[in-house]
């Protein structure tokens, strides 16, 4: 086994540890000032604070951190053929849920987390380099096939968990009541706090009127947001039919209980 292979695996694992440490911090941080928020459709913050960034309450970034730490330890302390074969198999298995998250980024969240995708590239580099290192005695075809099947099953298991995690249509009537009484959310599609607010409603958010305040995003109503003195999003305002302000919440994510109390709309239990 060539030394260069060991170096590549170690450097890839080290880069992965740094990325996952940052994403873990970002997941728990209260703000939304990630430097990898690059505008419309490219936000680490939105992805890492979405319901899809966790499985059974554990952030994917934490699991990724443990994975890369394990790879780094292997490259440092236990660099042999059997360990590298295990690295290949386990990396393929971990790619299943990771690629599932990529699918959610593209088709559901509609935002890509650049650092998340870089971590998957690092995983592929680790798999490819480890395979080159043991190419004369590669893992058995059956082991690789089992790893691919396990990856698919894990991705499917993750999907089932997420499919039953949100409130679904539970709050449809509540959201319709808010809309009828003139409650409007001034927000932005690139605002992580807005994403958390939407997730509280689940599918029912389609009944909520949201005004886009960021001029960089599609269909902005920037002048309206300026006239309403919107400094942070989300900001909830109750307006009458003429647009006159009747009630305003402080900027930030509002609990459904607070919205129910202010609107007198019944919140389902």
Protein backbone atom coordinates (compact mmCIF):
# COMPACT_ATOMS: atom_id res chain seq x y z
CA UNK A 1 0.00 0.00 0.00
CA UNK A 2 1.38 3.36 -1.06
CA UNK A 3 1.90 6.14 1.47
CA UNK A 4 0.11 8.62 -0.80
CA UNK A 5 -3.15 6.70 -0.36
CA UNK A 6 -2.89 7.00 3.41
CA UNK A 7 -2.18 10.73 3.15
CA UNK A 8 -5.17 11.35 0.85
CA UNK A 9 -7.51 9.42 3.16
CA UNK A 10 -6.18 11.25 6.23
CA UNK A 11 -6.48 14.70 4.60
CA UNK A 12 -10.00 13.94 3.32
CA UNK A 13 -11.05 12.77 6.79
CA UNK A 14 -9.52 15.86 8.37
CA UNK A 15 -11.37 18.14 5.98
CA UNK A 16 -14.56 16.21 6.74
CA UNK A 17 -14.09 16.66 10.49
CA UNK A 18 -13.74 20.43 10.02
CA UNK A 19 -16.81 20.67 7.77
CA UNK A 20 -19.00 18.51 10.00
CA UNK A 21 -17.90 20.38 13.12
CA UNK A 22 -18.99 23.63 11.48
CA UNK A 23 -22.29 22.17 10.28
CA UNK A 24 -22.99 20.82 13.76
CA UNK A 25 -22.37 24.28 15.21
CA UNK A 26 -24.62 25.77 12.53
CA UNK A 27 -27.40 23.29 13.32
CA UNK A 28 -27.59 24.41 16.93
CA UNK A 29 -26.72 28.10 16.44
CA UNK A 30 -29.56 30.55 16.94
CA UNK A 31 -28.59 32.98 14.19
CA UNK A 32 -28.62 32.68 10.41
CA UNK A 33 -25.31 34.23 9.39
CA UNK A 34 -23.60 31.24 7.81
CA UNK A 35 -20.89 32.27 5.37
CA UNK A 36 -22.00 29.47 3.05
CA UNK A 37 -25.39 31.11 2.56
CA UNK A 38 -24.71 32.15 -1.02
CA UNK A 39 -28.15 33.40 -2.04
CA UNK A 40 -31.17 31.85 -3.67
CA UNK A 41 -31.01 28.08 -3.66
CA UNK A 42 -27.65 27.87 -1.85
CA UNK A 43 -28.03 27.94 1.92
CA UNK A 44 -26.29 25.69 4.44
CA UNK A 45 -28.34 27.35 7.16
CA UNK A 46 -31.75 26.47 5.73
CA UNK A 47 -30.75 22.87 5.03
CA UNK A 48 -29.11 22.28 8.42
CA UNK A 49 -32.05 23.68 10.38
CA UNK A 50 -34.68 21.78 8.43
CA UNK A 51 -36.43 18.66 9.70
CA UNK A 52 -34.52 16.69 7.05
CA UNK A 53 -31.18 17.45 8.71
CA UNK A 54 -31.94 15.05 11.58
CA UNK A 55 -32.79 11.41 12.02
CA UNK A 56 -34.39 10.32 15.29
CA UNK A 57 -33.37 13.68 16.75
CA UNK A 58 -29.70 13.26 15.84
CA UNK A 59 -28.27 15.77 13.31
CA UNK A 60 -26.75 14.25 10.20
CA UNK A 61 -23.77 16.51 10.86
CA UNK A 62 -23.09 14.76 14.17
CA UNK A 63 -23.24 11.36 12.49
CA UNK A 64 -20.96 12.69 9.74
CA UNK A 65 -18.53 14.01 12.34
CA UNK A 66 -18.35 10.57 13.97
CA UNK A 67 -17.82 8.97 10.54
CA UNK A 68 -14.92 11.24 9.59
CA UNK A 69 -13.36 10.92 13.04
CA UNK A 70 -13.48 7.14 12.61
CA UNK A 71 -11.84 7.38 9.19
CA UNK A 72 -9.15 9.72 10.57
CA UNK A 73 -8.42 7.28 13.41
CA UNK A 74 -8.18 4.41 10.94
CA UNK A 75 -5.71 6.32 8.75
CA UNK A 76 -3.62 7.19 11.80
CA UNK A 77 -3.74 4.09 13.99
CA UNK A 78 -5.05 1.09 12.07
CA UNK A 79 -4.06 1.44 8.46
CA UNK A 80 -4.15 -2.10 7.08
CA UNK A 81 -5.96 -4.05 4.38
CA UNK A 82 -8.80 -5.33 6.58
CA UNK A 83 -9.45 -1.84 7.98
CA UNK A 84 -9.49 -0.29 4.51
CA UNK A 85 -11.98 -2.88 3.29
CA UNK A 86 -14.19 -1.99 6.24
CA UNK A 87 -13.81 1.71 5.36
CA UNK A 88 -15.03 1.02 1.82
CA UNK A 89 -18.09 -0.95 2.97
CA UNK A 90 -19.09 1.44 5.76
CA UNK A 91 -18.60 4.50 3.56
CA UNK A 92 -20.92 3.07 0.91
CA UNK A 93 -23.53 2.38 3.60
CA UNK A 94 -23.27 5.92 4.99
CA UNK A 95 -23.65 7.36 1.50
CA UNK A 96 -27.26 6.11 1.39
CA UNK A 97 -28.75 8.58 3.92
CA UNK A 98 -26.33 11.26 2.72
CA UNK A 99 -27.59 11.05 -0.85
CA UNK A 100 -31.16 10.98 0.46
CA UNK A 101 -30.49 14.36 2.09
CA UNK A 102 -29.19 15.64 -1.25
CA UNK A 103 -32.48 14.58 -2.86
CA UNK A 104 -34.42 16.44 -0.15
CA UNK A 105 -32.26 19.54 -0.73
CA UNK A 106 -33.07 19.49 -4.45
CA UNK A 107 -36.72 18.46 -4.50
CA UNK A 108 -38.18 19.54 -1.13
CA UNK A 109 -36.06 22.18 0.62
CA UNK A 110 -35.03 23.62 -2.76
CA UNK A 111 -31.72 24.76 -1.31
CA UNK A 112 -28.30 23.15 -1.57
CA UNK A 113 -25.86 23.04 1.32
CA UNK A 114 -22.48 23.39 -0.39
CA UNK A 115 -20.55 22.04 2.60
CA UNK A 116 -22.90 19.03 2.81
CA UNK A 117 -22.21 18.21 -0.82
CA UNK A 118 -18.45 18.70 -0.38
CA UNK A 119 -18.58 16.13 2.44
CA UNK A 120 -20.09 13.59 0.03
CA UNK A 121 -17.31 14.27 -2.45
CA UNK A 122 -14.83 13.61 0.37
CA UNK A 123 -16.59 10.31 1.09
CA UNK A 124 -16.26 9.32 -2.56
CA UNK A 125 -12.57 10.26 -2.50
CA UNK A 126 -12.09 8.09 0.60
CA UNK A 127 -13.89 5.16 -1.04
CA UNK A 128 -11.93 5.48 -4.27
CA UNK A 129 -8.56 5.91 -2.58
CA UNK A 130 -9.15 3.02 -0.18
CA UNK A 131 -10.15 0.81 -3.11
CA UNK A 132 -6.96 1.73 -4.99
CA UNK A 133 -4.94 0.91 -1.88
CA UNK A 134 -6.38 -2.64 -1.69
CA UNK A 135 -7.02 -3.20 -5.40
CA UNK A 136 -4.83 -6.32 -5.41
CA UNK A 137 -7.01 -7.86 -2.67
CA UNK A 138 -10.30 -5.95 -3.06
CA UNK A 139 -13.46 -6.46 -0.98
CA UNK A 140 -15.62 -9.35 -2.11
CA UNK A 141 -18.37 -8.52 -4.60
CA UNK A 142 -20.92 -9.86 -2.15
CA UNK A 143 -19.74 -7.41 0.54
CA UNK A 144 -20.01 -4.47 -1.84
CA UNK A 145 -23.47 -5.56 -3.00
CA UNK A 146 -24.61 -5.92 0.62
CA UNK A 147 -23.28 -2.43 1.38
CA UNK A 148 -25.24 -0.94 -1.54
CA UNK A 149 -28.42 -2.71 -0.39
CA UNK A 150 -27.87 -1.51 3.17
CA UNK A 151 -27.36 2.05 1.88
CA UNK A 152 -30.66 1.91 -0.02
CA UNK A 153 -32.49 0.47 3.00
CA UNK A 154 -31.06 3.16 5.29
CA UNK A 155 -32.13 5.88 2.85
CA UNK A 156 -35.62 4.36 2.74
CA UNK A 157 -35.76 4.13 6.54
CA UNK A 158 -34.76 7.80 6.79
CA UNK A 159 -37.49 8.74 4.33
CA UNK A 160 -40.14 6.88 6.34
CA UNK A 161 -39.08 8.67 9.52
CA UNK A 162 -39.27 12.07 7.86
CA UNK A 163 -42.54 11.29 6.12
CA UNK A 164 -44.19 10.84 9.51
CA UNK A 165 -42.31 13.59 11.35
CA UNK A 166 -44.24 16.72 10.36
CA UNK A 167 -47.80 17.77 11.21
CA UNK A 168 -49.02 17.14 7.66
CA UNK A 169 -52.45 18.69 7.11
CA UNK A 170 -53.32 18.91 10.79
CA UNK A 171 -53.32 22.71 10.85
CA UNK A 172 -55.16 23.34 7.57
CA UNK A 173 -58.23 24.94 9.18
CA UNK A 174 -56.06 26.94 11.59
CA UNK A 175 -53.96 28.33 8.71
CA UNK A 176 -57.09 29.16 6.72
CA UNK A 177 -58.47 31.02 9.74
CA UNK A 178 -55.25 33.06 10.06
CA UNK A 179 -55.45 33.95 6.39
CA UNK A 180 -59.10 34.93 6.67
CA UNK A 181 -58.29 37.26 9.58
CA UNK A 182 -55.53 38.98 7.63
CA UNK A 183 -52.40 37.52 9.22
CA UNK A 184 -49.46 37.79 6.81
CA UNK A 185 -45.92 36.53 7.22
CA UNK A 186 -43.23 38.81 5.83
CA UNK A 187 -40.32 36.49 5.13
CA UNK A 188 -37.81 35.16 2.63
CA UNK A 189 -37.13 31.83 0.99
CA UNK A 190 -33.47 32.14 2.05
CA UNK A 191 -34.28 32.84 5.70
CA UNK A 192 -33.64 29.86 8.00
CA UNK A 193 -35.98 31.21 10.69
CA UNK A 194 -38.71 31.45 8.04
CA UNK A 195 -38.05 27.84 7.11
CA UNK A 196 -38.52 26.83 10.77
CA UNK A 197 -41.76 28.82 10.89
CA UNK A 198 -43.06 27.05 7.78
CA UNK A 199 -42.16 23.66 9.24
CA UNK A 200 -44.40 24.32 12.26
CA UNK A 201 -47.40 24.47 9.91
CA UNK A 202 -46.40 21.53 7.75
CA UNK A 203 -48.52 21.22 4.61
CA UNK A 204 -50.93 23.82 5.99
CA UNK A 205 -48.50 26.65 5.25
CA UNK A 206 -49.84 26.75 1.70
CA UNK A 207 -52.82 28.65 3.12
CA UNK A 208 -50.62 31.34 4.69
CA UNK A 209 -49.87 34.48 2.71
CA UNK A 210 -46.12 35.13 2.71
CA UNK A 211 -44.54 38.29 1.34
CA UNK A 212 -41.00 37.92 -0.04
CA UNK A 213 -38.82 40.73 1.31
CA UNK A 214 -35.40 39.83 -0.11
CA UNK A 215 -34.88 41.58 -3.47
CA UNK A 216 -32.43 38.83 -4.50
CA UNK A 217 -35.19 36.21 -4.52
CA UNK A 218 -37.99 35.59 -7.03
CA UNK A 219 -41.10 37.78 -6.85
CA UNK A 220 -39.93 40.18 -4.13
CA UNK A 221 -42.20 42.88 -2.75
CA UNK A 222 -39.35 44.98 -1.45
CA UNK A 223 -41.19 48.30 -1.40
CA UNK A 224 -44.05 46.80 0.58
CA UNK A 225 -41.58 45.44 3.14
CA UNK A 226 -39.89 48.85 3.40
CA UNK A 227 -43.24 50.55 3.93
CA UNK A 228 -44.05 48.05 6.68
CA UNK A 229 -40.63 48.67 8.33
CA UNK A 230 -39.61 45.03 8.13
CA UNK A 231 -36.12 44.82 9.62
CA UNK A 232 -35.96 41.04 10.23
CA UNK A 233 -37.84 38.04 9.00
CA UNK A 234 -40.15 36.39 9.69
CA UNK A 235 -42.42 39.22 10.87
CA UNK A 236 -46.12 38.53 11.31
CA UNK A 237 -48.57 41.39 10.74
CA UNK A 238 -52.36 41.40 10.82
CA UNK A 239 -53.81 43.70 8.17
CA UNK A 240 -57.30 44.69 7.14
CA UNK A 241 -58.57 44.66 3.56
CA UNK A 242 -56.93 48.02 2.82
CA UNK A 243 -53.51 46.94 4.13
CA UNK A 244 -53.83 48.89 7.38
CA UNK A 245 -51.84 47.32 10.20
CA UNK A 246 -54.00 45.95 13.03
CA UNK A 247 -51.45 43.94 14.99
CA UNK A 248 -47.76 43.12 14.74
CA UNK A 249 -45.62 40.46 16.39
CA UNK A 250 -41.99 41.06 17.21
CA UNK A 251 -39.77 39.68 14.48
CA UNK A 252 -38.90 36.01 14.86
CA UNK A 253 -40.46 32.56 14.80
CA UNK A 254 -43.86 32.56 16.50
CA UNK A 255 -45.32 29.52 18.20
CA UNK A 256 -48.68 28.33 16.94
CA UNK A 257 -50.06 28.96 20.44
CA UNK A 258 -49.11 32.65 20.22
CA UNK A 259 -50.65 32.94 16.76
CA UNK A 260 -53.79 31.27 18.04
CA UNK A 261 -54.01 33.60 21.03
CA UNK A 262 -53.57 36.73 18.92
CA UNK A 263 -56.00 35.64 16.22
CA UNK A 264 -58.60 33.74 18.29
CA UNK A 265 -58.26 30.95 15.72
CA UNK A 266 -58.71 27.52 17.25
CA UNK A 267 -55.53 25.46 17.34
CA UNK A 268 -56.16 21.71 16.97
CA UNK A 269 -54.79 19.53 19.74
